[in-house]
C-alpha atoms as a PDB file:
ATOM      1  CA  MET A   1     -54.813  52.441 -66.878  1.00  0.00           C
ATOM      2  CA  ARG A   2     -53.911  54.471 -64.020  1.00  0.00           C
ATOM      3  CA  LEU A   3     -50.836  55.375 -61.566  1.00  0.00           C
ATOM      4  CA  GLU A   4     -48.440  53.159 -64.162  1.00  0.00           C
ATOM      5  CA  LYS A   5     -45.686  54.729 -62.959  1.00  0.00           C
ATOM      6  CA  VAL A   6     -46.019  53.594 -59.497  1.00  0.00           C
ATOM      7  CA  GLN A   7     -47.296  50.198 -60.873  1.00  0.00           C
ATOM      8  CA  ASP A   8     -43.847  50.204 -62.733  1.00  0.00           C
ATOM      9  CA  ALA A   9     -41.659  51.273 -59.719  1.00  0.00           C
ATOM     10  CA  LEU A  10     -43.383  47.984 -57.736  1.00  0.00           C
ATOM     11  CA  LYS A  11     -42.233  45.877 -60.479  1.00  0.00           C
ATOM     12  CA  ARG A  12     -38.968  47.139 -60.803  1.00  0.00           C
ATOM     13  CA  LYS A  13     -38.799  46.282 -57.172  1.00  0.00           C
ATOM     14  CA  LYS A  14     -39.985  43.113 -57.456  1.00  0.00           C
ATOM     15  CA  ILE A  15     -42.710  43.668 -55.252  1.00  0.00           C
ATOM     16  CA  GLU A  16     -46.113  42.183 -55.469  1.00  0.00           C
ATOM     17  CA  TYR A  17     -49.624  44.509 -55.822  1.00  0.00           C
ATOM     18  CA  SER A  18     -52.849  44.011 -56.443  1.00  0.00           C
ATOM     19  CA  TYR A  19     -54.757  46.718 -58.741  1.00  0.00           C
ATOM     20  CA  THR A  20     -57.960  47.840 -59.220  1.00  0.00           C
ATOM     21  CA  GLU A  21     -59.887  50.697 -60.866  1.00  0.00           C
ATOM     22  CA  GLU A  22     -63.504  51.636 -60.486  1.00  0.00           C
ATOM     23  CA  ASP A  23     -64.972  54.774 -61.542  1.00  0.00           C
ATOM     24  CA  GLY A  24     -61.720  55.655 -63.714  1.00  0.00           C
ATOM     25  CA  CYS A  25     -59.993  56.144 -60.080  1.00  0.00           C
ATOM     26  CA  GLY A  26     -57.101  53.563 -59.518  1.00  0.00           C
ATOM     27  CA  SER A  27     -56.251  51.780 -56.533  1.00  0.00           C
ATOM     28  CA  ILE A  28     -53.076  49.521 -55.413  1.00  0.00           C
ATOM     29  CA  ASP A  29     -52.317  47.938 -52.393  1.00  0.00           C
ATOM     30  CA  PHE A  30     -48.959  45.646 -51.272  1.00  0.00           C
ATOM     31  CA  MET A  31     -47.067  44.605 -48.405  1.00  0.00           C
ATOM     32  CA  PHE A  32     -43.476  45.333 -47.892  1.00  0.00           C
ATOM     33  CA  ARG A  33     -41.248  44.187 -45.285  1.00  0.00           C
ATOM     34  CA  GLY A  34     -44.586  42.996 -43.120  1.00  0.00           C
ATOM     35  CA  VAL A  35     -46.072  46.930 -43.783  1.00  0.00           C
ATOM     36  CA  ARG A  36     -49.493  46.963 -45.606  1.00  0.00           C
ATOM     37  CA  TYR A  37     -49.293  50.353 -48.191  1.00  0.00           C
ATOM     38  CA  HIS A  38     -52.377  51.310 -50.449  1.00  0.00           C
ATOM     39  CA  VAL A  39     -52.600  54.365 -52.649  1.00  0.00           C
ATOM     40  CA  TRP A  40     -55.685  55.132 -53.241  1.00  0.00           C
ATOM     41  CA  GLU A  41     -56.528  57.725 -56.494  1.00  0.00           C
ATOM     42  CA  TYR A  42     -59.634  60.092 -56.015  1.00  0.00           C
ATOM     43  CA  GLU A  43     -61.243  62.863 -58.067  1.00  0.00           C
ATOM     44  CA  ASP A  44     -62.899  65.849 -56.711  1.00  0.00           C
ATOM     45  CA  ASN A  45     -62.559  68.945 -58.342  1.00  0.00           C
ATOM     46  CA  GLY A  46     -58.894  67.861 -59.287  1.00  0.00           C
ATOM     47  CA  TRP A  47     -57.159  64.906 -59.102  1.00  0.00           C
ATOM     48  CA  GLY A  48     -54.938  63.012 -55.880  1.00  0.00           C
ATOM     49  CA  VAL A  49     -54.212  60.070 -53.932  1.00  0.00           C
ATOM     50  CA  GLU A  50     -54.524  58.660 -50.491  1.00  0.00           C
ATOM     51  CA  ALA A  51     -51.553  56.810 -49.781  1.00  0.00           C
ATOM     52  CA  ASN A  52     -49.329  55.769 -46.651  1.00  0.00           C
ATOM     53  CA  LEU A  53     -46.105  55.243 -48.393  1.00  0.00           C
ATOM     54  CA  ARG A  54     -43.979  58.515 -47.330  1.00  0.00           C
ATOM     55  CA  ASN A  55     -45.734  57.494 -43.461  1.00  0.00           C
ATOM     56  CA  ALA A  56     -46.453  53.772 -43.462  1.00  0.00           C
ATOM     57  CA  GLY A  57     -48.588  54.298 -40.433  1.00  0.00           C
ATOM     58  CA  ARG A  58     -50.324  57.537 -41.535  1.00  0.00           C
ATOM     59  CA  SER A  59     -52.440  58.313 -44.579  1.00  0.00           C
ATOM     60  CA  GLU A  60     -51.792  61.372 -46.448  1.00  0.00           C
ATOM     61  CA  GLU A  61     -53.153  63.307 -49.284  1.00  0.00           C
ATOM     62  CA  ILE A  62     -51.055  63.971 -52.263  1.00  0.00           C
ATOM     63  CA  GLU A  63     -52.070  66.404 -55.294  1.00  0.00           C
ATOM     64  CA  GLY A  64     -50.264  67.544 -58.117  1.00  0.00           C
ATOM     65  CA  ASP A  65     -47.629  64.835 -60.058  1.00  0.00           C
ATOM     66  CA  TYR A  66     -48.532  62.214 -57.389  1.00  0.00           C
ATOM     67  CA  ASP A  67     -47.509  59.443 -59.490  1.00  0.00           C
ATOM     68  CA  THR A  68     -44.090  60.606 -60.201  1.00  0.00           C
ATOM     69  CA  ILE A  69     -43.618  61.658 -56.318  1.00  0.00           C
ATOM     70  CA  LEU A  70     -44.801  58.140 -54.994  1.00  0.00           C
ATOM     71  CA  SER A  71     -42.515  56.156 -57.705  1.00  0.00           C
ATOM     72  CA  GLU A  72     -39.478  57.747 -57.074  1.00  0.00           C
ATOM     73  CA  GLU A  73     -40.446  56.817 -53.182  1.00  0.00           C
ATOM     74  CA  ILE A  74     -41.009  53.399 -54.522  1.00  0.00           C
ATOM     75  CA  LEU A  75     -37.622  53.049 -56.203  1.00  0.00           C
ATOM     76  CA  SER A  76     -35.870  54.769 -52.915  1.00  0.00           C
ATOM     77  CA  TRP A  77     -36.764  51.681 -51.456  1.00  0.00           C
ATOM     78  CA  PRO A  78     -34.106  48.488 -50.571  1.00  0.00           C
ATOM     79  CA  ASP A  79     -34.454  46.114 -53.099  1.00  0.00           C
ATOM     80  CA  MET A  80     -36.063  42.781 -52.125  1.00  0.00           C
ATOM     81  CA  ILE A  81     -33.957  39.400 -52.223  1.00  0.00           C
ATOM     82  CA  SER A  82     -34.807  37.278 -55.129  1.00  0.00           C
END
């Protein structure tokens, strides 16, 4: 399983998501407050993700410790109403 910190953050925030894995790369899709988000992992001479978490309307590539960067972003969002 990949993107474990992102998945843990989504669970803590009670945000439903779908996770798939293909060719060893993780992919997460979910909706939050009516906006569709994605995290698509890739390995191209190094690991990274394409995601739109920080800018909902625009995808960006993030390399390095992207799992921590994205999980911290999700945890900064307001809690969902139970």
